[in-house]
Protein backbone atom coordinates (compact mmCIF):
# COMPACT_ATOMS: atom_id res chain seq x y z
CA MET A 1 0.00 0.00 0.00
CA PRO A 2 1.45 3.29 -1.03
CA LYS A 3 2.13 5.93 1.59
CA PRO A 4 -0.10 8.91 1.48
CA ARG A 5 1.74 11.86 0.10
CA THR A 6 2.29 14.74 2.41
CA PRO A 7 1.66 18.04 0.78
CA SER A 8 4.92 19.76 -0.02
CA ARG A 9 5.71 22.59 2.27
CA PRO A 10 6.08 26.07 0.86
CA ALA A 11 9.65 27.34 0.83
CA GLN A 12 10.53 28.94 4.16
CA PRO A 13 12.43 32.17 4.29
CA PRO A 14 16.06 31.85 5.34
CA PRO A 15 16.62 32.06 9.09
CA ALA A 16 17.11 35.54 10.47
CA PRO A 17 20.72 36.48 11.24
CA PRO A 18 21.63 36.12 14.90
CA ARG A 19 20.91 39.16 17.00
CA ARG A 20 23.82 41.30 17.98
CA THR A 21 24.80 40.70 21.55
CA ALA A 22 24.90 44.38 22.40
CA PRO A 23 23.43 47.31 20.52
CA ARG A 24 25.88 49.82 19.20
CA ARG A 25 24.96 52.47 21.76
CA ALA A 26 25.56 50.11 24.69
CA THR A 27 28.92 49.10 23.22
CA VAL A 28 30.02 52.70 22.81
CA GLU A 29 28.85 53.59 26.32
CA ARG A 30 30.79 50.64 27.75
CA GLN A 31 33.88 51.71 25.83
CA LEU A 32 33.58 55.24 27.23
CA ARG A 33 33.13 53.92 30.78
CA ILE A 34 36.23 51.78 30.39
CA LEU A 35 38.31 54.69 29.07
CA GLU A 36 37.04 56.99 31.85
CA ARG A 37 37.98 54.44 34.49
CA LEU A 38 41.39 53.99 32.89
CA THR A 39 41.89 57.76 32.86
CA ALA A 40 40.86 57.93 36.51
CA GLY A 41 43.68 55.53 37.32
CA ALA A 42 41.85 52.23 37.68
CA SER A 43 43.78 49.10 36.76
CA VAL A 44 42.69 46.86 33.92
CA ALA A 45 41.77 44.17 36.47
CA GLU A 46 39.54 46.60 38.39
CA ILE A 47 37.85 47.70 35.18
CA ALA A 48 37.29 44.07 34.13
CA GLY A 49 35.66 43.32 37.48
CA ALA A 50 33.41 46.36 37.34
CA GLU A 51 32.34 45.67 33.74
CA ARG A 52 32.11 41.88 34.25
CA LEU A 53 34.55 41.21 31.44
CA THR A 54 37.81 39.34 31.21
CA ILE A 55 41.06 41.23 31.51
CA ARG A 56 41.92 40.18 27.96
CA ARG A 57 38.66 41.63 26.62
CA VAL A 58 39.19 44.94 28.45
CA ARG A 59 42.66 45.20 26.91
CA GLN A 60 41.15 44.50 23.48
CA ILE A 61 38.53 47.22 23.97
CA ILE A 62 41.21 49.73 25.01
CA ALA A 63 43.38 48.81 22.03
CA GLU A 64 40.41 49.09 19.64
CA ALA A 65 39.45 52.46 21.08
CA LEU A 66 42.95 53.83 20.65
CA ALA A 67 43.27 52.34 17.16
CA SER A 68 39.94 53.80 16.04
CA ARG A 69 41.02 57.23 17.20
CA GLU A 70 44.25 56.84 15.23
CA VAL A 71 46.34 57.83 18.20
CA ASP A 72 50.02 57.02 18.24
CA PRO A 73 50.56 54.75 21.30
CA THR A 74 53.13 57.14 22.73
CA ALA A 75 50.90 60.14 22.16
CA GLY A 76 47.94 58.17 23.54
CA PHE A 77 49.87 57.44 26.71
CA ALA A 78 50.83 61.10 27.04
CA GLN A 79 47.19 62.13 26.60
CA LEU A 80 46.14 59.64 29.24
CA GLN A 81 48.75 60.95 31.67
CA ILE A 82 47.75 64.55 30.97
CA ALA A 83 44.11 63.72 31.72
CA ARG A 84 45.14 62.03 34.97
CA LEU A 85 47.32 64.96 35.97
CA GLY A 86 44.46 67.35 35.21
CA ASP A 87 42.16 65.45 37.56
CA ALA A 88 44.82 65.37 40.27
CA MET A 89 45.45 69.11 39.83
CA ARG A 90 41.77 69.89 40.36
CA ILE A 91 41.75 67.91 43.60
CA ALA A 92 45.02 69.46 44.83
CA HIS A 93 43.77 72.94 43.93
CA ALA A 94 40.54 72.43 45.89
CA LYS A 95 42.51 71.26 48.95
CA MET A 96 44.96 74.11 48.56
CA MET A 97 42.12 76.63 48.53
CA LYS A 98 40.85 75.12 51.80
CA GLY A 99 44.19 75.89 53.43
CA ASP A 100 45.98 72.53 53.14
CA LEU A 101 49.63 73.58 52.71
CA GLN A 102 50.75 70.09 51.70
CA ALA A 103 48.42 70.36 48.74
CA LEU A 104 50.42 73.40 47.56
CA ASP A 105 53.55 71.26 47.27
CA ARG A 106 51.62 68.55 45.40
CA PHE A 107 50.07 71.14 43.11
CA VAL A 108 53.49 72.57 42.20
CA ARG A 109 54.81 69.07 41.43
CA LEU A 110 51.77 68.32 39.28
CA VAL A 111 52.27 71.54 37.32
CA ALA A 112 55.91 70.55 36.67
CA GLU A 113 54.82 67.10 35.46
CA LEU A 114 52.15 68.62 33.26
CA ASP A 115 54.70 71.02 31.77
CA ARG A 116 56.93 68.05 31.01
CA TYR A 117 54.15 66.27 29.10
CA HIS A 118 53.29 69.42 27.18
CA GLY A 119 56.93 69.81 26.17
CA PHE A 120 57.79 72.97 28.09
CA GLY A 121 60.71 71.22 29.78
CA ARG A 122 62.39 70.49 26.45
CA ALA A 123 64.62 73.56 26.23
CA GLU A 124 67.39 71.94 28.24
CA ILE A 125 67.06 68.65 26.33
CA VAL A 126 67.34 70.49 23.00
CA ALA A 127 70.44 72.34 24.23
CA GLN A 128 72.03 69.07 25.38
CA ARG A 129 71.34 67.45 22.02
CA ALA A 130 72.88 70.41 20.20
CA ARG A 131 76.02 70.19 22.35
CA ALA A 132 76.23 66.43 21.76
CA ALA A 133 75.81 66.88 17.99
CA ALA A 134 78.59 69.48 17.95
CA ALA A 135 80.87 67.18 19.93
CA ASN A 136 80.11 64.30 17.55
CA GLN A 137 80.89 66.52 14.57
CA ASP A 138 84.21 67.56 16.12
CA ALA A 139 85.06 63.90 16.77
CA ARG A 140 84.23 62.94 13.17
CA GLN A 141 86.44 65.72 11.83
CA ALA A 142 89.32 64.62 14.06
CA ILE A 143 88.97 61.01 12.88
CA GLU A 144 88.89 62.09 9.23
CA LYS A 145 92.02 64.18 9.71
CA THR A 146 93.77 61.29 11.41
CA GLU A 147 92.82 58.88 8.64
CA SER A 148 93.99 61.31 5.94
CA GLY A 149 97.37 61.75 7.65
CA GLU A 150 96.86 65.30 8.80
CA THR A 151 97.93 66.39 12.24
CA VAL A 152 95.43 66.70 15.02
CA ALA A 153 96.25 69.39 17.58
CA GLY A 154 99.91 69.49 16.49
CA VAL A 155 100.51 65.73 16.66
CA ALA A 156 101.46 63.90 13.48
CA ALA A 157 99.33 60.90 12.70
CA SER A 158 101.19 57.63 12.37
CA PRO A 159 100.69 55.69 9.11
C-alpha cells in the first residue's frame, strides 16, 4: 500500500541572522566607561571586574578604542597621563584653597609634570642634544684628519 503523500511545504524564508549581543549604543557607552575608568587611574583588572569582562577583553577594547582614534601609542599614553594629571590638579587645587599647605607642594609638582608632558621642559634637552651633535661633529672631523694623515692638535698621525 502506497504511503499517502504529504503536501509539499512552501519554501521557508532563510533564518534571520543572529541578534547582535549588544546594541551599538551600549557598546560605545561601555567603551567610554572603560576609558574613563582607565583615565581615573583604575587598573585593567579593576575595570574588568566592574564591567564583568575578562582582563583580555578589556585590553582589546582599550586597544580598539585607541586604534579607532588613530592615536600614536606614545601620544595616547601622554594624553592619558595629561588627563590624569588634570584630575589630580583639580583635587590638589581644591585642597589648597581650603588651606591645606601640603596640597600646595603637590600642586606645584603636578604643574611641573604637566609642563613636562606638554613639552615645556624640552629647552634643556634640546640644548644638550645640540652640544652632543657638535661634539660628535668635532670627533668625526678629528677622525677624518687622522685617517687622511693630517695632524690633530699638532701631533702627526702615524701611518
